[in-house]
PDB file of all heavy atoms in Angstrom:
ATOM      1  N   ALA A   1       5.184  38.779  89.103  1.00  0.00           N
ATOM      2  CA  ALA A   1       5.837  39.491  90.204  1.00  0.00           C
ATOM      3  C   ALA A   1       7.114  38.862  90.729  1.00  0.00           C
ATOM      4  O   ALA A   1       8.000  39.490  91.328  1.00  0.00           O
ATOM      5  CB  ALA A   1       4.914  39.663  91.357  1.00  0.00           C
ATOM      6  N   ALA A   2       7.340  37.543  90.428  1.00  0.00           N
ATOM      7  CA  ALA A   2       8.552  36.875  91.010  1.00  0.00           C
ATOM      8  C   ALA A   2       9.821  37.560  90.545  1.00  0.00           C
ATOM      9  O   ALA A   2      10.736  37.585  91.378  1.00  0.00           O
ATOM     10  CB  ALA A   2       8.478  35.405  90.564  1.00  0.00           C
ATOM     11  N   PRO A   3       9.994  38.016  89.354  1.00  0.00           N
ATOM     12  CA  PRO A   3      11.245  38.691  88.947  1.00  0.00           C
ATOM     13  C   PRO A   3      11.529  39.983  89.855  1.00  0.00           C
ATOM     14  O   PRO A   3      12.731  40.234  90.017  1.00  0.00           O
ATOM     15  CB  PRO A   3      11.061  39.089  87.446  1.00  0.00           C
ATOM     16  CG  PRO A   3      10.099  38.115  86.956  1.00  0.00           C
ATOM     17  CD  PRO A   3       9.124  37.856  88.132  1.00  0.00           C
ATOM     18  N   GLU A   4      10.465  40.606  90.263  1.00  0.00           N
ATOM     19  CA  GLU A   4      10.656  41.725  91.168  1.00  0.00           C
ATOM     20  C   GLU A   4      11.355  41.382  92.442  1.00  0.00           C
ATOM     21  O   GLU A   4      12.314  41.966  92.943  1.00  0.00           O
ATOM     22  CB  GLU A   4       9.396  42.475  91.507  1.00  0.00           C
ATOM     23  CG  GLU A   4       8.650  43.121  90.326  1.00  0.00           C
ATOM     24  CD  GLU A   4       7.321  43.670  90.792  1.00  0.00           C
ATOM     25  OE1 GLU A   4       7.273  44.453  91.770  1.00  0.00           O
ATOM     26  OE2 GLU A   4       6.376  43.396  90.074  1.00  0.00           O
ATOM     27  N   LEU A   5      10.864  40.248  93.056  1.00  0.00           N
ATOM     28  CA  LEU A   5      11.410  39.728  94.312  1.00  0.00           C
ATOM     29  C   LEU A   5      12.818  39.283  94.013  1.00  0.00           C
ATOM     30  O   LEU A   5      13.743  39.519  94.814  1.00  0.00           O
ATOM     31  CB  LEU A   5      10.560  38.608  94.874  1.00  0.00           C
ATOM     32  CG  LEU A   5      11.091  38.078  96.180  1.00  0.00           C
ATOM     33  CD1 LEU A   5      11.307  39.153  97.282  1.00  0.00           C
ATOM     34  CD2 LEU A   5      10.152  36.976  96.756  1.00  0.00           C
ATOM     35  N   GLU A   6      13.024  38.547  92.896  1.00  0.00           N
ATOM     36  CA  GLU A   6      14.375  38.081  92.572  1.00  0.00           C
ATOM     37  C   GLU A   6      15.383  39.205  92.502  1.00  0.00           C
ATOM     38  O   GLU A   6      16.507  39.134  93.075  1.00  0.00           O
ATOM     39  CB  GLU A   6      14.331  37.362  91.244  1.00  0.00           C
ATOM     40  CG  GLU A   6      15.679  36.803  90.807  1.00  0.00           C
ATOM     41  CD  GLU A   6      15.692  36.067  89.442  1.00  0.00           C
ATOM     42  OE1 GLU A   6      14.719  36.330  88.696  1.00  0.00           O
ATOM     43  OE2 GLU A   6      16.615  35.271  89.235  1.00  0.00           O
ATOM     44  N   ALA A   7      14.962  40.326  91.816  1.00  0.00           N
ATOM     45  CA  ALA A   7      15.870  41.537  91.753  1.00  0.00           C
ATOM     46  C   ALA A   7      16.164  42.115  93.080  1.00  0.00           C
ATOM     47  O   ALA A   7      17.254  42.498  93.303  1.00  0.00           O
ATOM     48  CB  ALA A   7      15.206  42.498  90.795  1.00  0.00           C
ATOM     49  N   ALA A   8      15.072  42.235  93.909  1.00  0.00           N
ATOM     50  CA  ALA A   8      15.304  42.836  95.230  1.00  0.00           C
ATOM     51  C   ALA A   8      16.278  42.076  96.071  1.00  0.00           C
ATOM     52  O   ALA A   8      17.066  42.614  96.830  1.00  0.00           O
ATOM     53  CB  ALA A   8      13.882  42.913  95.983  1.00  0.00           C
ATOM     54  N   VAL A   9      16.118  40.734  96.076  1.00  0.00           N
ATOM     55  CA  VAL A   9      16.995  39.900  96.807  1.00  0.00           C
ATOM     56  C   VAL A   9      18.423  39.892  96.255  1.00  0.00           C
ATOM     57  O   VAL A   9      19.433  40.010  96.962  1.00  0.00           O
ATOM     58  CB  VAL A   9      16.504  38.385  96.928  1.00  0.00           C
ATOM     59  CG1 VAL A   9      17.528  37.511  97.507  1.00  0.00           C
ATOM     60  CG2 VAL A   9      15.199  38.409  97.681  1.00  0.00           C
ATOM     61  N   GLU A  10      18.575  39.952  94.920  1.00  0.00           N
ATOM     62  CA  GLU A  10      19.821  39.925  94.273  1.00  0.00           C
ATOM     63  C   GLU A  10      20.639  41.213  94.566  1.00  0.00           C
ATOM     64  O   GLU A  10      21.884  41.170  94.745  1.00  0.00           O
ATOM     65  CB  GLU A  10      19.769  39.758  92.743  1.00  0.00           C
ATOM     66  CG  GLU A  10      19.565  38.319  92.329  1.00  0.00           C
ATOM     67  CD  GLU A  10      20.600  37.388  92.788  1.00  0.00           C
ATOM     68  OE1 GLU A  10      21.789  37.667  92.656  1.00  0.00           O
ATOM     69  OE2 GLU A  10      20.322  36.264  93.310  1.00  0.00           O
ATOM     70  N   GLU A  11      19.942  42.331  94.740  1.00  0.00           N
ATOM     71  CA  GLU A  11      20.690  43.549  95.044  1.00  0.00           C
ATOM     72  C   GLU A  11      21.087  43.697  96.481  1.00  0.00           C
ATOM     73  O   GLU A  11      21.905  44.624  96.831  1.00  0.00           O
ATOM     74  CB  GLU A  11      19.764  44.785  94.601  1.00  0.00           C
ATOM     75  CG  GLU A  11      18.636  45.077  95.584  1.00  0.00           C
ATOM     76  CD  GLU A  11      17.900  46.288  95.173  1.00  0.00           C
ATOM     77  OE1 GLU A  11      17.985  46.729  93.985  1.00  0.00           O
ATOM     78  OE2 GLU A  11      17.207  46.889  96.026  1.00  0.00           O
ATOM     79  N   LEU A  12      20.664  42.783  97.340  1.00  0.00           N
ATOM     80  CA  LEU A  12      21.150  42.811  98.797  1.00  0.00           C
ATOM     81  C   LEU A  12      22.543  42.446  98.806  1.00  0.00           C
ATOM     82  O   LEU A  12      23.062  41.462  98.220  1.00  0.00           O
ATOM     83  CB  LEU A  12      20.280  41.873  99.660  1.00  0.00           C
ATOM     84  CG  LEU A  12      18.804  42.251  99.719  1.00  0.00           C
ATOM     85  CD1 LEU A  12      18.081  41.061 100.505  1.00  0.00           C
ATOM     86  CD2 LEU A  12      18.602  43.561 100.336  1.00  0.00           C
ATOM     87  N   ASP A  13      23.326  43.118  99.722  1.00  0.00           N
ATOM     88  CA  ASP A  13      24.709  42.797  99.948  1.00  0.00           C
ATOM     89  C   ASP A  13      24.714  41.950 101.251  1.00  0.00           C
ATOM     90  O   ASP A  13      24.877  42.604 102.330  1.00  0.00           O
ATOM     91  CB  ASP A  13      25.568  44.059 100.037  1.00  0.00           C
ATOM     92  CG  ASP A  13      27.004  43.825 100.375  1.00  0.00           C
ATOM     93  OD1 ASP A  13      27.468  42.588 100.303  1.00  0.00           O
ATOM     94  OD2 ASP A  13      27.655  44.708 100.822  1.00  0.00           O
ATOM     95  N   GLU A  14      24.609  40.685 101.116  1.00  0.00           N
ATOM     96  CA  GLU A  14      24.502  39.831 102.327  1.00  0.00           C
ATOM     97  C   GLU A  14      25.725  39.926 103.205  1.00  0.00           C
ATOM     98  O   GLU A  14      25.579  39.731 104.446  1.00  0.00           O
ATOM     99  CB  GLU A  14      24.237  38.376 101.943  1.00  0.00           C
ATOM    100  CG  GLU A  14      25.287  37.641 101.226  1.00  0.00           C
ATOM    101  CD  GLU A  14      25.152  37.693  99.715  1.00  0.00           C
ATOM    102  OE1 GLU A  14      24.543  38.622  99.140  1.00  0.00           O
ATOM    103  OE2 GLU A  14      25.768  36.909  99.020  1.00  0.00           O
ATOM    104  N   ALA A  15      26.876  40.329 102.736  1.00  0.00           N
ATOM    105  CA  ALA A  15      28.108  40.424 103.546  1.00  0.00           C
ATOM    106  C   ALA A  15      27.901  41.597 104.601  1.00  0.00           C
ATOM    107  O   ALA A  15      28.513  41.461 105.643  1.00  0.00           O
ATOM    108  CB  ALA A  15      29.336  40.604 102.748  1.00  0.00           C
ATOM    109  N   SER A  16      27.160  42.605 104.262  1.00  0.00           N
ATOM    110  CA  SER A  16      26.986  43.817 105.169  1.00  0.00           C
ATOM    111  C   SER A  16      25.707  43.619 105.998  1.00  0.00           C
ATOM    112  O   SER A  16      25.473  44.582 106.754  1.00  0.00           O
ATOM    113  CB  SER A  16      26.965  45.052 104.285  1.00  0.00           C
ATOM    114  OG  SER A  16      25.803  45.099 103.592  1.00  0.00           O
ATOM    115  N   LEU A  17      24.995  42.614 105.913  1.00  0.00           N
ATOM    116  CA  LEU A  17      23.751  42.449 106.592  1.00  0.00           C
ATOM    117  C   LEU A  17      23.789  41.343 107.650  1.00  0.00           C
ATOM    118  O   LEU A  17      24.498  40.331 107.478  1.00  0.00           O
ATOM    119  CB  LEU A  17      22.601  42.097 105.659  1.00  0.00           C
ATOM    120  CG  LEU A  17      22.211  43.214 104.617  1.00  0.00           C
ATOM    121  CD1 LEU A  17      21.269  42.639 103.613  1.00  0.00           C
ATOM    122  CD2 LEU A  17      21.646  44.385 105.352  1.00  0.00           C
ATOM    123  N   GLU A  18      23.132  41.572 108.771  1.00  0.00           N
ATOM    124  CA  GLU A  18      22.972  40.544 109.785  1.00  0.00           C
ATOM    125  C   GLU A  18      21.712  39.833 109.761  1.00  0.00           C
ATOM    126  O   GLU A  18      21.546  38.733 110.114  1.00  0.00           O
ATOM    127  CB  GLU A  18      23.237  41.144 111.182  1.00  0.00           C
ATOM    128  CG  GLU A  18      24.630  41.557 111.347  1.00  0.00           C
ATOM    129  CD  GLU A  18      24.962  42.099 112.795  1.00  0.00           C
ATOM    130  OE1 GLU A  18      24.070  41.960 113.642  1.00  0.00           O
ATOM    131  OE2 GLU A  18      26.027  42.575 112.961  1.00  0.00           O
ATOM    132  N   LYS A  19      20.626  40.529 109.199  1.00  0.00           N
ATOM    133  CA  LYS A  19      19.270  39.951 109.194  1.00  0.00           C
ATOM    134  C   LYS A  19      18.483  40.604 107.969  1.00  0.00           C
ATOM    135  O   LYS A  19      18.577  41.796 107.680  1.00  0.00           O
ATOM    136  CB  LYS A  19      18.613  40.318 110.435  1.00  0.00           C
ATOM    137  CG  LYS A  19      17.303  39.592 110.671  1.00  0.00           C
ATOM    138  CD  LYS A  19      16.714  39.922 112.022  1.00  0.00           C
ATOM    139  CE  LYS A  19      15.636  39.033 112.380  1.00  0.00           C
ATOM    140  NZ  LYS A  19      15.107  39.246 113.744  1.00  0.00           N
ATOM    141  N   VAL A  20      17.801  39.734 107.279  1.00  0.00           N
ATOM    142  CA  VAL A  20      16.832  40.153 106.267  1.00  0.00           C
ATOM    143  C   VAL A  20      15.505  39.492 106.688  1.00  0.00           C
ATOM    144  O   VAL A  20      15.390  38.257 106.848  1.00  0.00           O
ATOM    145  CB  VAL A  20      17.226  39.582 104.828  1.00  0.00           C
ATOM    146  CG1 VAL A  20      16.201  39.938 103.815  1.00  0.00           C
ATOM    147  CG2 VAL A  20      18.603  40.142 104.501  1.00  0.00           C
ATOM    148  N   VAL A  21      14.536  40.377 106.789  1.00  0.00           N
ATOM    149  CA  VAL A  21      13.117  39.979 107.106  1.00  0.00           C
ATOM    150  C   VAL A  21      12.270  40.085 105.957  1.00  0.00           C
ATOM    151  O   VAL A  21      12.226  41.121 105.307  1.00  0.00           O
ATOM    152  CB  VAL A  21      12.578  40.887 108.297  1.00  0.00           C
ATOM    153  CG1 VAL A  21      11.173  40.417 108.620  1.00  0.00           C
ATOM    154  CG2 VAL A  21      13.484  40.762 109.506  1.00  0.00           C
ATOM    155  N   MET A  22      11.504  39.030 105.674  1.00  0.00           N
ATOM    156  CA  MET A  22      10.463  39.078 104.657  1.00  0.00           C
ATOM    157  C   MET A  22       9.119  39.040 105.332  1.00  0.00           C
ATOM    158  O   MET A  22       8.805  38.112 106.063  1.00  0.00           O
ATOM    159  CB  MET A  22      10.470  37.873 103.645  1.00  0.00           C
ATOM    160  CG  MET A  22      11.462  38.127 102.618  1.00  0.00           C
ATOM    161  SD  MET A  22      11.063  37.162 101.051  1.00  0.00           S
ATOM    162  CE  MET A  22      12.716  37.036 100.421  1.00  0.00           C
ATOM    163  N   ASP A  23       8.597  40.251 105.309  1.00  0.00           N
ATOM    164  CA  ASP A  23       7.135  40.490 105.992  1.00  0.00           C
ATOM    165  C   ASP A  23       6.093  40.120 105.045  1.00  0.00           C
ATOM    166  O   ASP A  23       5.926  40.736 104.036  1.00  0.00           O
ATOM    167  CB  ASP A  23       7.135  41.864 106.507  1.00  0.00           C
ATOM    168  CG  ASP A  23       5.928  42.163 107.374  1.00  0.00           C
ATOM    169  OD1 ASP A  23       4.886  41.350 107.289  1.00  0.00           O
ATOM    170  OD2 ASP A  23       5.996  43.070 108.178  1.00  0.00           O
ATOM    171  N   LEU A  24       5.322  39.035 105.433  1.00  0.00           N
ATOM    172  CA  LEU A  24       4.313  38.550 104.531  1.00  0.00           C
ATOM    173  C   LEU A  24       2.896  38.935 104.959  1.00  0.00           C
ATOM    174  O   LEU A  24       1.920  38.328 104.478  1.00  0.00           O
ATOM    175  CB  LEU A  24       4.403  37.048 104.385  1.00  0.00           C
ATOM    176  CG  LEU A  24       5.799  36.483 104.023  1.00  0.00           C
ATOM    177  CD1 LEU A  24       5.712  34.938 103.873  1.00  0.00           C
ATOM    178  CD2 LEU A  24       6.362  37.103 102.764  1.00  0.00           C
ATOM    179  N   GLU A  25       2.781  39.864 105.833  1.00  0.00           N
ATOM    180  CA  GLU A  25       1.502  40.202 106.429  1.00  0.00           C
ATOM    181  C   GLU A  25       0.530  40.638 105.258  1.00  0.00           C
ATOM    182  O   GLU A  25      -0.714  40.267 105.389  1.00  0.00           O
ATOM    183  CB  GLU A  25       1.677  41.436 107.376  1.00  0.00           C
ATOM    184  CG  GLU A  25       0.328  41.862 108.018  1.00  0.00           C
ATOM    185  CD  GLU A  25       0.468  42.975 109.022  1.00  0.00           C
ATOM    186  OE1 GLU A  25       1.520  43.620 109.065  1.00  0.00           O
ATOM    187  OE2 GLU A  25      -0.488  43.168 109.779  1.00  0.00           O
ATOM    188  N   LYS A  26       0.909  41.272 104.216  1.00  0.00           N
ATOM    189  CA  LYS A  26       0.012  41.779 103.204  1.00  0.00           C
ATOM    190  C   LYS A  26       0.152  40.979 101.908  1.00  0.00           C
ATOM    191  O   LYS A  26      -0.369  41.361 100.888  1.00  0.00           O
ATOM    192  CB  LYS A  26       0.348  43.269 103.015  1.00  0.00           C
ATOM    193  CG  LYS A  26      -0.081  44.049 104.196  1.00  0.00           C
ATOM    194  CD  LYS A  26       0.113  45.576 103.918  1.00  0.00           C
ATOM    195  CE  LYS A  26      -0.282  46.272 105.206  1.00  0.00           C
ATOM    196  NZ  LYS A  26      -0.124  47.711 105.031  1.00  0.00           N
ATOM    197  N   LEU A  27       0.911  39.805 101.962  1.00  0.00           N
ATOM    198  CA  LEU A  27       0.893  38.912 100.881  1.00  0.00           C
ATOM    199  C   LEU A  27      -0.432  38.087 100.795  1.00  0.00           C
ATOM    200  O   LEU A  27      -0.777  37.376 101.725  1.00  0.00           O
ATOM    201  CB  LEU A  27       2.079  38.003 100.942  1.00  0.00           C
ATOM    202  CG  LEU A  27       2.333  36.995  99.768  1.00  0.00           C
ATOM    203  CD1 LEU A  27       2.754  37.893  98.557  1.00  0.00           C
ATOM    204  CD2 LEU A  27       3.433  36.053 100.087  1.00  0.00           C
ATOM    205  N   GLU A  28      -1.173  38.241  99.667  1.00  0.00           N
ATOM    206  CA  GLU A  28      -2.407  37.640  99.514  1.00  0.00           C
ATOM    207  C   GLU A  28      -2.403  36.199  98.811  1.00  0.00           C
ATOM    208  O   GLU A  28      -3.201  35.440  99.039  1.00  0.00           O
ATOM    209  CB  GLU A  28      -3.364  38.545  98.661  1.00  0.00           C
ATOM    210  CG  GLU A  28      -3.529  39.906  99.311  1.00  0.00           C
ATOM    211  CD  GLU A  28      -4.249  40.846  98.339  1.00  0.00           C
ATOM    212  OE1 GLU A  28      -4.753  40.407  97.331  1.00  0.00           O
ATOM    213  OE2 GLU A  28      -4.224  42.051  98.660  1.00  0.00           O
ATOM    214  N   TYR A  29      -1.329  36.076  97.966  1.00  0.00           N
ATOM    215  CA  TYR A  29      -1.335  34.852  97.149  1.00  0.00           C
ATOM    216  C   TYR A  29       0.101  34.586  96.721  1.00  0.00           C
ATOM    217  O   TYR A  29       0.928  35.504  96.573  1.00  0.00           O
ATOM    218  CB  TYR A  29      -2.120  35.054  95.934  1.00  0.00           C
ATOM    219  CG  TYR A  29      -2.007  33.974  94.857  1.00  0.00           C
ATOM    220  CD1 TYR A  29      -2.698  32.784  94.972  1.00  0.00           C
ATOM    221  CD2 TYR A  29      -1.173  34.106  93.774  1.00  0.00           C
ATOM    222  CE1 TYR A  29      -2.582  31.778  94.026  1.00  0.00           C
ATOM    223  CE2 TYR A  29      -0.952  33.081  92.784  1.00  0.00           C
ATOM    224  CZ  TYR A  29      -1.628  31.977  92.978  1.00  0.00           C
ATOM    225  OH  TYR A  29      -1.480  30.910  92.049  1.00  0.00           O
ATOM    226  N   ILE A  30       0.485  33.329  96.657  1.00  0.00           N
ATOM    227  CA  ILE A  30       1.828  32.919  96.211  1.00  0.00           C
ATOM    228  C   ILE A  30       1.668  31.707  95.228  1.00  0.00           C
ATOM    229  O   ILE A  30       0.959  30.781  95.525  1.00  0.00           O
ATOM    230  CB  ILE A  30       2.821  32.598  97.340  1.00  0.00           C
ATOM    231  CG1 ILE A  30       4.219  32.491  96.832  1.00  0.00           C
ATOM    232  CG2 ILE A  30       2.357  31.410  98.169  1.00  0.00           C
ATOM    233  CD1 ILE A  30       5.281  32.398  97.911  1.00  0.00           C
TER     234      ILE A  30
END
């Protein structure tokens, strides 16, 4: 699953964002 998160983060345009939240409430394992 790590490549999915990598792709999701890479597609973010950090210049246009003020905040990125990673909600881990339903993350069962890392």
